[in-house]
Amino acid sequence: MGILEKISEIEKEIARTQKNKATEYHLGLLKAKLAKYRAQLLEPSKSSSSKGEGFDVMKSGDARVALIGFPSVGKSTFLSLMTSTASEAASYEFTTLTCIPGVIEYKGANIQLLDLPGIIEGAAQGKGRGRQVIAVARTADVVIMMLDATKGEVQRSLLEKELGSVGIRLNKHKPNIYFKPKKGGGISFNSTVTLTQCSEKLVQLILHEYKIFNAEVLFREDCSPDEFIDVIMGNRVYMPCLYVYNKIDQISMEEVDRLARKPDSVVISCGMKLNLDYLLEMLWEYLALTCIYTKKRGQRPDFTDAIILRKGASVEHVCHRIHRSLASQFKAPAPSTARSGWA
């Protein structure tokens, strides 16, 4: 039985197993096996001599955004509207067969936008060049999931399932679990909160499935078995995602209002160029970029050329962007000599 057949069997077993206290250990083991087989599926085959054709693009600009969606949802039209790059657009599916990069210039920043080929169901197993598309998506800072507003929520749930099965976690934070394998001493399990989804026995069963018999585990929040498996695997990517519903000119105002009120969602129409400016504002917010302006001593600040940095960057990061030797020559302010009121 091949890996795909094993994955299919485990998924069927999980679907037909009722979720209750009696089956939680069985389900935990099944999920651990499923994650292990999916990881094996993504590894390149050592026996295969042909390298295959990829389409990774060199990272450039201040940030990278991956444009993901099913065929014929308007990705190429969106790229042509937002950048100076012309991507072929047509009324038939699979117009785009490779990765086409473009650059969005916004608030002084250069944001690299990648128009990826359309994903089909089963992309995580390699259908329709799915593995190459997902590999490029893992390198992005933000994912724009382009959806057809006329097709409801079907596309969104299918894409989330495909990306989730290869370790891409959308709009989620990394589980606050400390995990460290050891050479001996068995499994040390502790938690700082009350656990309602995981128990010590279930954690040990999952670790044994991965042939881990000595480790230190500390739960700092109430996490599920799936989140604990993500921590063990260690190759998950957590990134923000904007759900963009295109073709809103073809649905009712009530439906547009419903979609617009969903979290992390923006409604647009590439055909009528509606709401594209608001999408850019939301993209800037999700990228968490900051504009830093410099000034010479005794002169006004230069607002024409900004240094683009991520939110939370320090003065040292600014120095490195100006010149790599500037940080070593930077003089920190002298500590205050004022006496403390507690003295």
C-alpha atoms as a PDB file:
ATOM      1  CA  MET A   1       0.000   0.000   0.000  1.00  0.00           C
ATOM      2  CA  GLY A   2       1.430   3.378  -1.084  1.00  0.00           C
ATOM      3  CA  ILE A   3       1.568   6.572   0.999  1.00  0.00           C
ATOM      4  CA  LEU A   4      -1.466   8.069  -0.767  1.00  0.00           C
ATOM      5  CA  GLU A   5      -3.541   4.977  -0.018  1.00  0.00           C
ATOM      6  CA  LYS A   6      -2.420   5.017   3.640  1.00  0.00           C
ATOM      7  CA  ILE A   7      -3.363   8.705   3.942  1.00  0.00           C
ATOM      8  CA  SER A   8      -6.763   8.006   2.387  1.00  0.00           C
ATOM      9  CA  GLU A   9      -7.420   5.103   4.772  1.00  0.00           C
ATOM     10  CA  ILE A  10      -6.486   7.153   7.847  1.00  0.00           C
ATOM     11  CA  GLU A  11      -8.676  10.084   6.727  1.00  0.00           C
ATOM     12  CA  LYS A  12     -11.624   7.710   6.289  1.00  0.00           C
ATOM     13  CA  GLU A  13     -10.971   6.169   9.711  1.00  0.00           C
ATOM     14  CA  ILE A  14     -10.912   9.637  11.342  1.00  0.00           C
ATOM     15  CA  ALA A  15     -14.130  10.639   9.545  1.00  0.00           C
ATOM     16  CA  ARG A  16     -16.087   7.595  10.743  1.00  0.00           C
ATOM     17  CA  THR A  17     -14.774   7.632  14.326  1.00  0.00           C
ATOM     18  CA  GLN A  18     -16.983   9.405  16.845  1.00  0.00           C
ATOM     19  CA  LYS A  19     -15.270  12.037  18.972  1.00  0.00           C
ATOM     20  CA  ASN A  20     -15.609  11.339  22.692  1.00  0.00           C
ATOM     21  CA  LYS A  21     -13.489  10.535  25.743  1.00  0.00           C
ATOM     22  CA  ALA A  22     -13.207   6.865  24.825  1.00  0.00           C
ATOM     23  CA  THR A  23     -11.806   7.542  21.339  1.00  0.00           C
ATOM     24  CA  GLU A  24      -9.543  10.572  21.987  1.00  0.00           C
ATOM     25  CA  TYR A  25      -6.367   8.436  22.260  1.00  0.00           C
ATOM     26  CA  HIS A  26      -7.227   6.507  19.090  1.00  0.00           C
ATOM     27  CA  LEU A  27      -7.881   9.762  17.190  1.00  0.00           C
ATOM     28  CA  GLY A  28      -4.665  11.290  18.516  1.00  0.00           C
ATOM     29  CA  LEU A  29      -2.631   8.363  17.185  1.00  0.00           C
ATOM     30  CA  LEU A  30      -4.397   8.507  13.817  1.00  0.00           C
ATOM     31  CA  LYS A  31      -3.638  12.245  13.503  1.00  0.00           C
ATOM     32  CA  ALA A  32       0.008  11.640  14.389  1.00  0.00           C
ATOM     33  CA  LYS A  33       0.288   8.935  11.700  1.00  0.00           C
ATOM     34  CA  LEU A  34      -1.479  11.193   9.173  1.00  0.00           C
ATOM     35  CA  ALA A  35       0.950  14.072   9.796  1.00  0.00           C
ATOM     36  CA  LYS A  36       3.904  11.673   9.458  1.00  0.00           C
ATOM     37  CA  TYR A  37       2.718  10.258   6.123  1.00  0.00           C
ATOM     38  CA  ARG A  38       1.980  13.749   4.757  1.00  0.00           C
ATOM     39  CA  ALA A  39       5.510  14.836   5.669  1.00  0.00           C
ATOM     40  CA  GLN A  40       6.890  11.804   3.782  1.00  0.00           C
ATOM     41  CA  LEU A  41       4.738  12.697   0.783  1.00  0.00           C
ATOM     42  CA  LEU A  42       6.265  16.184   0.572  1.00  0.00           C
ATOM     43  CA  GLU A  43       9.849  14.904   0.707  1.00  0.00           C
ATOM     44  CA  PRO A  44      11.488  14.620  -2.729  1.00  0.00           C
ATOM     45  CA  SER A  45      11.909  11.068  -3.946  1.00  0.00           C
ATOM     46  CA  LYS A  46      15.530   9.869  -3.709  1.00  0.00           C
ATOM     47  CA  SER A  47      15.032   7.189  -6.344  1.00  0.00           C
ATOM     48  CA  SER A  48      13.828   9.662  -8.949  1.00  0.00           C
ATOM     49  CA  SER A  49      16.652  10.748 -11.255  1.00  0.00           C
ATOM     50  CA  SER A  50      14.783  13.557 -13.015  1.00  0.00           C
ATOM     51  CA  LYS A  51      14.769  16.842 -11.150  1.00  0.00           C
ATOM     52  CA  GLY A  52      11.492  18.066 -12.577  1.00  0.00           C
ATOM     53  CA  GLU A  53      10.614  21.626 -13.446  1.00  0.00           C
ATOM     54  CA  GLY A  54      10.125  24.169 -10.665  1.00  0.00           C
ATOM     55  CA  PHE A  55       9.283  27.843 -10.818  1.00  0.00           C
ATOM     56  CA  ASP A  56      10.686  29.456  -7.687  1.00  0.00           C
ATOM     57  CA  VAL A  57      11.335  33.180  -8.088  1.00  0.00           C
ATOM     58  CA  MET A  58      14.143  35.096  -6.400  1.00  0.00           C
ATOM     59  CA  LYS A  59      12.828  37.067  -3.426  1.00  0.00           C
ATOM     60  CA  SER A  60      13.046  40.809  -3.958  1.00  0.00           C
ATOM     61  CA  GLY A  61      11.558  44.019  -2.605  1.00  0.00           C
ATOM     62  CA  ASP A  62      10.493  44.718   0.977  1.00  0.00           C
ATOM     63  CA  ALA A  63       7.934  41.881   1.267  1.00  0.00           C
ATOM     64  CA  ARG A  64       6.543  38.936  -0.702  1.00  0.00           C
ATOM     65  CA  VAL A  65       2.851  38.190  -1.253  1.00  0.00           C
ATOM     66  CA  ALA A  66       1.598  34.924  -2.789  1.00  0.00           C
ATOM     67  CA  LEU A  67      -1.609  35.006  -4.836  1.00  0.00           C
ATOM     68  CA  ILE A  68      -3.362  31.642  -4.463  1.00  0.00           C
ATOM     69  CA  GLY A  69      -6.692  30.461  -5.787  1.00  0.00           C
ATOM     70  CA  PHE A  70      -8.546  28.068  -8.039  1.00  0.00           C
ATOM     71  CA  PRO A  71      -8.320  28.494 -11.827  1.00  0.00           C
ATOM     72  CA  SER A  72     -10.232  31.411 -13.390  1.00  0.00           C
ATOM     73  CA  VAL A  73     -10.957  33.424 -10.247  1.00  0.00           C
ATOM     74  CA  GLY A  74      -9.204  36.567 -11.517  1.00  0.00           C
ATOM     75  CA  LYS A  75      -5.625  36.231 -10.211  1.00  0.00           C
ATOM     76  CA  SER A  76      -3.942  37.268 -13.463  1.00  0.00           C
ATOM     77  CA  THR A  77      -6.324  40.209 -13.937  1.00  0.00           C
ATOM     78  CA  PHE A  78      -5.595  41.317 -10.370  1.00  0.00           C
ATOM     79  CA  LEU A  79      -1.813  41.144 -10.987  1.00  0.00           C
ATOM     80  CA  SER A  80      -2.155  43.237 -14.155  1.00  0.00           C
ATOM     81  CA  LEU A  81      -4.238  45.860 -12.336  1.00  0.00           C
ATOM     82  CA  MET A  82      -1.991  46.172  -9.262  1.00  0.00           C
ATOM     83  CA  THR A  83       1.401  46.003 -10.991  1.00  0.00           C
ATOM     84  CA  SER A  84       2.972  46.947 -14.302  1.00  0.00           C
ATOM     85  CA  THR A  85       3.322  43.256 -15.180  1.00  0.00           C
ATOM     86  CA  ALA A  86       1.010  41.872 -17.850  1.00  0.00           C
ATOM     87  CA  SER A  87      -0.161  38.370 -16.950  1.00  0.00           C
ATOM     88  CA  GLU A  88      -2.160  36.488 -19.557  1.00  0.00           C
ATOM     89  CA  ALA A  89      -5.862  36.393 -18.677  1.00  0.00           C
ATOM     90  CA  ALA A  90      -8.567  34.464 -20.506  1.00  0.00           C
ATOM     91  CA  SER A  91     -11.989  32.951 -19.899  1.00  0.00           C
ATOM     92  CA  TYR A  92     -10.652  29.377 -19.857  1.00  0.00           C
ATOM     93  CA  GLU A  93      -8.987  27.576 -16.933  1.00  0.00           C
ATOM     94  CA  PHE A  94      -5.217  27.146 -16.387  1.00  0.00           C
ATOM     95  CA  THR A  95      -4.239  30.247 -18.373  1.00  0.00           C
ATOM     96  CA  THR A  96      -1.256  30.734 -16.027  1.00  0.00           C
ATOM     97  CA  LEU A  97       1.086  27.732 -16.092  1.00  0.00           C
ATOM     98  CA  THR A  98       4.080  29.160 -14.218  1.00  0.00           C
ATOM     99  CA  CYS A  99       4.822  31.707 -11.468  1.00  0.00           C
ATOM    100  CA  ILE A 100       4.598  35.304 -12.718  1.00  0.00           C
ATOM    101  CA  PRO A 101       6.090  37.988 -10.435  1.00  0.00           C
ATOM    102  CA  GLY A 102       5.057  41.624 -10.257  1.00  0.00           C
ATOM    103  CA  VAL A 103       5.821  44.586  -7.982  1.00  0.00           C
ATOM    104  CA  ILE A 104       3.263  46.714  -6.125  1.00  0.00           C
ATOM    105  CA  GLU A 105       4.601  50.184  -5.292  1.00  0.00           C
ATOM    106  CA  TYR A 106       2.773  51.477  -2.216  1.00  0.00           C
ATOM    107  CA  LYS A 107       3.835  54.057   0.397  1.00  0.00           C
ATOM    108  CA  GLY A 108       7.412  53.892  -0.831  1.00  0.00           C
ATOM    109  CA  ALA A 109       7.602  50.110  -0.461  1.00  0.00           C
ATOM    110  CA  ASN A 110       8.165  47.558  -3.207  1.00  0.00           C
ATOM    111  CA  ILE A 111       5.924  44.557  -2.518  1.00  0.00           C
ATOM    112  CA  GLN A 112       6.593  41.479  -4.653  1.00  0.00           C
ATOM    113  CA  LEU A 113       3.330  39.878  -5.824  1.00  0.00           C
ATOM    114  CA  LEU A 114       3.476  36.322  -7.195  1.00  0.00           C
ATOM    115  CA  ASP A 115       0.718  35.101  -9.495  1.00  0.00           C
ATOM    116  CA  LEU A 116       0.776  31.330  -8.966  1.00  0.00           C
ATOM    117  CA  PRO A 117      -0.940  28.744 -11.197  1.00  0.00           C
ATOM    118  CA  GLY A 118      -4.438  27.738 -10.143  1.00  0.00           C
ATOM    119  CA  ILE A 119      -4.692  25.095  -7.414  1.00  0.00           C
ATOM    120  CA  ILE A 120      -7.023  22.146  -7.866  1.00  0.00           C
ATOM    121  CA  GLU A 121      -8.344  19.711  -5.282  1.00  0.00           C
ATOM    122  CA  GLY A 122      -5.596  17.237  -4.394  1.00  0.00           C
ATOM    123  CA  ALA A 123      -2.782  19.772  -4.899  1.00  0.00           C
ATOM    124  CA  ALA A 124      -1.051  18.637  -1.709  1.00  0.00           C
ATOM    125  CA  GLN A 125      -0.618  15.189  -3.318  1.00  0.00           C
ATOM    126  CA  GLY A 126       1.009  16.779  -6.378  1.00  0.00           C
ATOM    127  CA  LYS A 127      -1.997  17.215  -8.698  1.00  0.00           C
ATOM    128  CA  GLY A 128      -1.868  20.161 -11.105  1.00  0.00           C
ATOM    129  CA  ARG A 129       1.667  21.229 -10.089  1.00  0.00           C
ATOM    130  CA  GLY A 130       0.288  21.695  -6.593  1.00  0.00           C
ATOM    131  CA  ARG A 131       3.541  20.904  -4.801  1.00  0.00           C
ATOM    132  CA  GLN A 132       5.476  23.644  -6.630  1.00  0.00           C
ATOM    133  CA  VAL A 133       2.708  26.192  -5.968  1.00  0.00           C
ATOM    134  CA  ILE A 134       2.586  25.347  -2.267  1.00  0.00           C
ATOM    135  CA  ALA A 135       6.410  25.375  -1.970  1.00  0.00           C
ATOM    136  CA  VAL A 136       6.505  28.960  -3.261  1.00  0.00           C
ATOM    137  CA  ALA A 137       3.593  29.944  -0.999  1.00  0.00           C
ATOM    138  CA  ARG A 138       5.575  28.814   2.082  1.00  0.00           C
ATOM    139  CA  THR A 139       8.192  31.516   1.352  1.00  0.00           C
ATOM    140  CA  ALA A 140       5.662  34.378   1.314  1.00  0.00           C
ATOM    141  CA  ASP A 141       5.043  36.906   4.077  1.00  0.00           C
ATOM    142  CA  VAL A 142       1.298  37.104   3.382  1.00  0.00           C
ATOM    143  CA  VAL A 143      -1.066  34.908   1.367  1.00  0.00           C
ATOM    144  CA  ILE A 144      -3.864  36.475  -0.679  1.00  0.00           C
ATOM    145  CA  MET A 145      -6.461  33.779  -1.251  1.00  0.00           C
ATOM    146  CA  MET A 146      -8.445  34.848  -4.320  1.00  0.00           C
ATOM    147  CA  LEU A 147     -11.979  33.445  -4.270  1.00  0.00           C
ATOM    148  CA  ASP A 148     -14.916  33.578  -6.648  1.00  0.00           C
ATOM    149  CA  ALA A 149     -17.745  35.363  -4.812  1.00  0.00           C
ATOM    150  CA  THR A 150     -20.331  33.524  -6.939  1.00  0.00           C
ATOM    151  CA  LYS A 151     -19.248  30.083  -5.645  1.00  0.00           C
ATOM    152  CA  GLY A 152     -19.880  30.531  -1.925  1.00  0.00           C
ATOM    153  CA  GLU A 153     -17.579  29.071   0.711  1.00  0.00           C
ATOM    154  CA  VAL A 154     -16.664  25.859  -1.143  1.00  0.00           C
ATOM    155  CA  GLN A 155     -13.426  27.225  -2.596  1.00  0.00           C
ATOM    156  CA  ARG A 156     -12.254  28.696   0.704  1.00  0.00           C
ATOM    157  CA  SER A 157     -12.691  25.475   2.686  1.00  0.00           C
ATOM    158  CA  LEU A 158     -10.987  23.369   0.000  1.00  0.00           C
ATOM    159  CA  LEU A 159      -7.974  25.716  -0.241  1.00  0.00           C
ATOM    160  CA  GLU A 160      -7.612  25.885   3.538  1.00  0.00           C
ATOM    161  CA  LYS A 161      -7.625  22.073   3.631  1.00  0.00           C
ATOM    162  CA  GLU A 162      -4.951  21.800   0.903  1.00  0.00           C
ATOM    163  CA  LEU A 163      -2.661  24.378   2.534  1.00  0.00           C
ATOM    164  CA  GLY A 164      -3.256  22.960   6.011  1.00  0.00           C
ATOM    165  CA  SER A 165      -2.293  19.447   4.919  1.00  0.00           C
ATOM    166  CA  VAL A 166       1.201  20.673   3.927  1.00  0.00           C
ATOM    167  CA  GLY A 167       1.864  22.608   7.114  1.00  0.00           C
ATOM    168  CA  ILE A 168       0.722  26.139   6.205  1.00  0.00           C
ATOM    169  CA  ARG A 169      -1.297  27.596   9.088  1.00  0.00           C
ATOM    170  CA  LEU A 170      -3.329  30.640   8.066  1.00  0.00           C
ATOM    171  CA  ASN A 171      -4.084  33.421  10.569  1.00  0.00           C
ATOM    172  CA  LYS A 172      -2.894  31.291  13.485  1.00  0.00           C
ATOM    173  CA  HIS A 173      -0.112  31.769  16.018  1.00  0.00           C
ATOM    174  CA  LYS A 174       2.518  29.203  16.927  1.00  0.00           C
ATOM    175  CA  PRO A 175       1.318  27.029  19.868  1.00  0.00           C
ATOM    176  CA  ASN A 176       2.877  28.072  23.176  1.00  0.00           C
ATOM    177  CA  ILE A 177       4.350  24.655  23.919  1.00  0.00           C
ATOM    178  CA  TYR A 178       7.925  24.046  25.021  1.00  0.00           C
ATOM    179  CA  PHE A 179       9.246  20.812  23.501  1.00  0.00           C
ATOM    180  CA  LYS A 180      12.819  19.545  23.696  1.00  0.00           C
ATOM    181  CA  PRO A 181      13.992  15.971  22.953  1.00  0.00           C
ATOM    182  CA  LYS A 182      16.558  14.571  25.413  1.00  0.00           C
ATOM    183  CA  LYS A 183      19.029  11.689  25.424  1.00  0.00           C
ATOM    184  CA  GLY A 184      17.576  10.054  28.535  1.00  0.00           C
ATOM    185  CA  GLY A 185      15.334  10.444  31.532  1.00  0.00           C
ATOM    186  CA  GLY A 186      12.018   9.527  29.912  1.00  0.00           C
ATOM    187  CA  ILE A 187       9.219  11.985  29.171  1.00  0.00           C
ATOM    188  CA  SER A 188       8.819  14.957  31.525  1.00  0.00           C
ATOM    189  CA  PHE A 189       5.319  16.464  31.178  1.00  0.00           C
ATOM    190  CA  ASN A 190       4.078  19.686  32.798  1.00  0.00           C
ATOM    191  CA  SER A 191       1.496  22.390  32.150  1.00  0.00           C
ATOM    192  CA  THR A 192       0.912  25.891  33.507  1.00  0.00           C
ATOM    193  CA  VAL A 193      -2.789  25.876  32.559  1.00  0.00           C
ATOM    194  CA  THR A 194      -5.701  23.458  32.858  1.00  0.00           C
ATOM    195  CA  LEU A 195      -5.716  21.195  29.797  1.00  0.00           C
ATOM    196  CA  THR A 196      -9.093  20.222  28.330  1.00  0.00           C
ATOM    197  CA  GLN A 197      -7.953  18.798  24.954  1.00  0.00           C
ATOM    198  CA  CYS A 198      -4.704  16.972  25.734  1.00  0.00           C
ATOM    199  CA  SER A 199      -3.696  14.671  28.585  1.00  0.00           C
ATOM    200  CA  GLU A 200      -0.317  13.327  29.667  1.00  0.00           C
ATOM    201  CA  LYS A 201      -1.186   9.848  28.371  1.00  0.00           C
ATOM    202  CA  LEU A 202      -2.187  11.204  24.942  1.00  0.00           C
ATOM    203  CA  VAL A 203       1.036  13.247  24.720  1.00  0.00           C
ATOM    204  CA  GLN A 204       3.094  10.130  25.493  1.00  0.00           C
ATOM    205  CA  LEU A 205       1.221   8.067  22.867  1.00  0.00           C
ATOM    206  CA  ILE A 206       1.831  10.726  20.202  1.00  0.00           C
ATOM    207  CA  LEU A 207       5.532  10.976  21.102  1.00  0.00           C
ATOM    208  CA  HIS A 208       5.901   7.182  20.984  1.00  0.00           C
ATOM    209  CA  GLU A 209       4.373   7.183  17.488  1.00  0.00           C
ATOM    210  CA  TYR A 210       7.303   9.410  16.431  1.00  0.00           C
ATOM    211  CA  LYS A 211       9.785   7.103  18.239  1.00  0.00           C
ATOM    212  CA  ILE A 212      10.460   9.786  20.869  1.00  0.00           C
ATOM    213  CA  PHE A 213      10.869   8.258  24.338  1.00  0.00           C
ATOM    214  CA  ASN A 214      12.893  10.982  26.086  1.00  0.00           C
ATOM    215  CA  ALA A 215      11.693  14.582  25.975  1.00  0.00           C
ATOM    216  CA  GLU A 216      10.652  17.592  28.006  1.00  0.00           C
ATOM    217  CA  VAL A 217       7.146  18.948  27.313  1.00  0.00           C
ATOM    218  CA  LEU A 218       5.575  22.055  28.842  1.00  0.00           C
ATOM    219  CA  PHE A 219       2.119  23.319  27.832  1.00  0.00           C
ATOM    220  CA  ARG A 220       1.732  27.059  28.426  1.00  0.00           C
ATOM    221  CA  GLU A 221      -1.746  27.178  26.856  1.00  0.00           C
ATOM    222  CA  ASP A 222      -4.642  24.791  26.281  1.00  0.00           C
ATOM    223  CA  CYS A 223      -3.694  23.260  22.926  1.00  0.00           C
ATOM    224  CA  SER A 224      -5.225  20.495  20.837  1.00  0.00           C
ATOM    225  CA  PRO A 225      -3.455  17.249  19.767  1.00  0.00           C
ATOM    226  CA  ASP A 226      -3.114  18.709  16.246  1.00  0.00           C
ATOM    227  CA  GLU A 227      -1.247  21.744  17.593  1.00  0.00           C
ATOM    228  CA  PHE A 228       1.055  19.509  19.658  1.00  0.00           C
ATOM    229  CA  ILE A 229       1.807  17.436  16.534  1.00  0.00           C
ATOM    230  CA  ASP A 230       2.674  20.699  14.717  1.00  0.00           C
ATOM    231  CA  VAL A 231       5.225  21.490  17.443  1.00  0.00           C
ATOM    232  CA  ILE A 232       6.789  18.010  17.130  1.00  0.00           C
ATOM    233  CA  MET A 233       7.045  18.270  13.337  1.00  0.00           C
ATOM    234  CA  GLY A 234       8.729  21.679  13.620  1.00  0.00           C
ATOM    235  CA  ASN A 235       8.238  22.585   9.952  1.00  0.00           C
ATOM    236  CA  ARG A 236       4.929  24.447  10.120  1.00  0.00           C
ATOM    237  CA  VAL A 237       4.622  27.937   8.643  1.00  0.00           C
ATOM    238  CA  TYR A 238       2.352  30.451  10.362  1.00  0.00           C
ATOM    239  CA  MET A 239       1.376  33.354   8.145  1.00  0.00           C
ATOM    240  CA  PRO A 240      -1.378  35.944   7.789  1.00  0.00           C
ATOM    241  CA  CYS A 241      -3.932  35.468   5.027  1.00  0.00           C
ATOM    242  CA  LEU A 242      -6.376  37.835   3.324  1.00  0.00           C
ATOM    243  CA  TYR A 243      -9.467  36.222   1.819  1.00  0.00           C
ATOM    244  CA  VAL A 244     -10.300  38.293  -1.270  1.00  0.00           C
ATOM    245  CA  TYR A 245     -13.713  37.708  -2.856  1.00  0.00           C
ATOM    246  CA  ASN A 246     -13.634  38.755  -6.514  1.00  0.00           C
ATOM    247  CA  LYS A 247     -16.548  39.252  -8.978  1.00  0.00           C
ATOM    248  CA  ILE A 248     -18.846  40.965  -6.435  1.00  0.00           C
ATOM    249  CA  ASP A 249     -20.545  42.727  -9.363  1.00  0.00           C
ATOM    250  CA  GLN A 250     -22.219  39.374 -10.139  1.00  0.00           C
ATOM    251  CA  ILE A 251     -23.889  38.828  -6.732  1.00  0.00           C
ATOM    252  CA  SER A 252     -26.539  40.638  -4.664  1.00  0.00           C
ATOM    253  CA  MET A 253     -25.781  43.513  -2.277  1.00  0.00           C
ATOM    254  CA  GLU A 254     -26.906  41.368   0.663  1.00  0.00           C
ATOM    255  CA  GLU A 255     -24.337  38.702  -0.233  1.00  0.00           C
ATOM    256  CA  VAL A 256     -21.619  41.352  -0.693  1.00  0.00           C
ATOM    257  CA  ASP A 257     -22.409  42.740   2.769  1.00  0.00           C
ATOM    258  CA  ARG A 258     -22.270  39.248   4.306  1.00  0.00           C
ATOM    259  CA  LEU A 259     -18.890  38.446   2.739  1.00  0.00           C
ATOM    260  CA  ALA A 260     -17.414  41.842   3.642  1.00  0.00           C
ATOM    261  CA  ARG A 261     -18.243  41.325   7.328  1.00  0.00           C
ATOM    262  CA  LYS A 262     -16.355  38.016   7.555  1.00  0.00           C
ATOM    263  CA  PRO A 263     -13.033  38.205   9.435  1.00  0.00           C
ATOM    264  CA  ASP A 264      -9.865  38.695   7.355  1.00  0.00           C
ATOM    265  CA  SER A 265     -11.985  39.242   4.213  1.00  0.00           C
ATOM    266  CA  VAL A 266     -12.093  41.905   1.486  1.00  0.00           C
ATOM    267  CA  VAL A 267     -14.596  42.118  -1.386  1.00  0.00           C
ATOM    268  CA  ILE A 268     -13.460  43.435  -4.789  1.00  0.00           C
ATOM    269  CA  SER A 269     -14.281  43.413  -8.469  1.00  0.00           C
ATOM    270  CA  CYS A 270     -11.319  43.318 -10.853  1.00  0.00           C
ATOM    271  CA  GLY A 271     -13.646  43.730 -13.832  1.00  0.00           C
ATOM    272  CA  MET A 272     -15.117  47.008 -12.504  1.00  0.00           C
ATOM    273  CA  LYS A 273     -12.022  48.002 -10.426  1.00  0.00           C
ATOM    274  CA  LEU A 274     -14.018  48.182  -7.194  1.00  0.00           C
ATOM    275  CA  ASN A 275     -12.470  48.425  -3.685  1.00  0.00           C
ATOM    276  CA  LEU A 276      -8.875  47.841  -4.839  1.00  0.00           C
ATOM    277  CA  ASP A 277      -7.588  50.803  -2.795  1.00  0.00           C
ATOM    278  CA  TYR A 278      -9.032  49.335   0.422  1.00  0.00           C
ATOM    279  CA  LEU A 279      -7.415  45.983  -0.393  1.00  0.00           C
ATOM    280  CA  LEU A 280      -4.028  47.720  -0.600  1.00  0.00           C
ATOM    281  CA  GLU A 281      -4.600  49.316   2.812  1.00  0.00           C
ATOM    282  CA  MET A 282      -5.481  45.936   4.325  1.00  0.00           C
ATOM    283  CA  LEU A 283      -2.439  44.301   2.681  1.00  0.00           C
ATOM    284  CA  TRP A 284      -0.155  46.967   4.172  1.00  0.00           C
ATOM    285  CA  GLU A 285      -1.657  46.326   7.602  1.00  0.00           C
ATOM    286  CA  TYR A 286      -1.223  42.535   7.339  1.00  0.00           C
ATOM    287  CA  LEU A 287       2.393  42.893   6.165  1.00  0.00           C
ATOM    288  CA  ALA A 288       3.072  45.023   9.289  1.00  0.00           C
ATOM    289  CA  LEU A 289       5.503  47.298   7.463  1.00  0.00           C
ATOM    290  CA  THR A 290       6.760  50.610   8.844  1.00  0.00           C
ATOM    291  CA  CYS A 291       8.183  53.624   6.977  1.00  0.00           C
ATOM    292  CA  ILE A 292      11.309  55.172   8.546  1.00  0.00           C
ATOM    293  CA  TYR A 293      12.397  58.610   7.261  1.00  0.00           C
ATOM    294  CA  THR A 294      15.922  59.959   7.803  1.00  0.00           C
ATOM    295  CA  LYS A 295      17.184  63.541   8.061  1.00  0.00           C
ATOM    296  CA  LYS A 296      20.552  65.221   7.967  1.00  0.00           C
ATOM    297  CA  ARG A 297      21.563  67.335  10.933  1.00  0.00           C
ATOM    298  CA  GLY A 298      20.050  70.811  10.691  1.00  0.00           C
ATOM    299  CA  GLN A 299      17.875  69.898   7.676  1.00  0.00           C
ATOM    300  CA  ARG A 300      14.273  68.855   7.185  1.00  0.00           C
ATOM    301  CA  PRO A 301      13.408  65.134   6.914  1.00  0.00           C
ATOM    302  CA  ASP A 302      13.460  63.561   3.463  1.00  0.00           C
ATOM    303  CA  PHE A 303       9.945  62.188   2.901  1.00  0.00           C
ATOM    304  CA  THR A 304      10.679  61.040  -0.663  1.00  0.00           C
ATOM    305  CA  ASP A 305      12.878  58.060   0.220  1.00  0.00           C
ATOM    306  CA  ALA A 306      11.703  55.845   3.092  1.00  0.00           C
ATOM    307  CA  ILE A 307      13.431  52.901   4.759  1.00  0.00           C
ATOM    308  CA  ILE A 308      10.882  50.076   4.913  1.00  0.00           C
ATOM    309  CA  LEU A 309      11.127  47.818   7.960  1.00  0.00           C
ATOM    310  CA  ARG A 310       8.948  45.299   9.757  1.00  0.00           C
ATOM    311  CA  LYS A 311       6.986  46.411  12.794  1.00  0.00           C
ATOM    312  CA  GLY A 312       9.066  45.926  15.930  1.00  0.00           C
ATOM    313  CA  ALA A 313      12.399  46.694  14.230  1.00  0.00           C
ATOM    314  CA  SER A 314      15.074  48.376  16.382  1.00  0.00           C
ATOM    315  CA  VAL A 315      17.506  51.238  15.742  1.00  0.00           C
ATOM    316  CA  GLU A 316      20.129  48.580  14.959  1.00  0.00           C
ATOM    317  CA  HIS A 317      18.007  47.326  12.041  1.00  0.00           C
ATOM    318  CA  VAL A 318      17.816  50.893  10.666  1.00  0.00           C
ATOM    319  CA  CYS A 319      21.609  51.226  10.932  1.00  0.00           C
ATOM    320  CA  HIS A 320      22.125  47.978   9.008  1.00  0.00           C
ATOM    321  CA  ARG A 321      19.794  49.171   6.228  1.00  0.00           C
ATOM    322  CA  ILE A 322      21.735  52.449   5.853  1.00  0.00           C
ATOM    323  CA  HIS A 323      25.225  50.881   6.015  1.00  0.00           C
ATOM    324  CA  ARG A 324      26.476  47.643   7.497  1.00  0.00           C
ATOM    325  CA  SER A 325      29.307  49.367   9.433  1.00  0.00           C
ATOM    326  CA  LEU A 326      27.078  52.066  10.927  1.00  0.00           C
ATOM    327  CA  ALA A 327      25.810  49.895  13.801  1.00  0.00           C
ATOM    328  CA  SER A 328      29.337  49.241  15.116  1.00  0.00           C
ATOM    329  CA  GLN A 329      30.077  53.007  15.137  1.00  0.00           C
ATOM    330  CA  PHE A 330      26.763  53.930  16.730  1.00  0.00           C
ATOM    331  CA  LYS A 331      27.098  55.608  20.129  1.00  0.00           C
ATOM    332  CA  ALA A 332      24.450  54.682  22.664  1.00  0.00           C
ATOM    333  CA  PRO A 333      23.185  57.476  24.929  1.00  0.00           C
ATOM    334  CA  ALA A 334      24.939  57.703  28.301  1.00  0.00           C
ATOM    335  CA  PRO A 335      22.959  56.295  31.257  1.00  0.00           C
ATOM    336  CA  SER A 336      21.066  58.820  33.336  1.00  0.00           C
ATOM    337  CA  THR A 337      22.919  60.095  36.442  1.00  0.00           C
ATOM    338  CA  ALA A 338      19.735  61.369  38.130  1.00  0.00           C
ATOM    339  CA  ARG A 339      19.163  59.889  41.587  1.00  0.00           C
ATOM    340  CA  SER A 340      16.257  57.516  41.959  1.00  0.00           C
ATOM    341  CA  GLY A 341      13.344  58.508  44.166  1.00  0.00           C
ATOM    342  CA  TRP A 342      13.798  55.215  46.045  1.00  0.00           C
ATOM    343  CA  ALA A 343      17.317  56.135  47.216  1.00  0.00           C
END
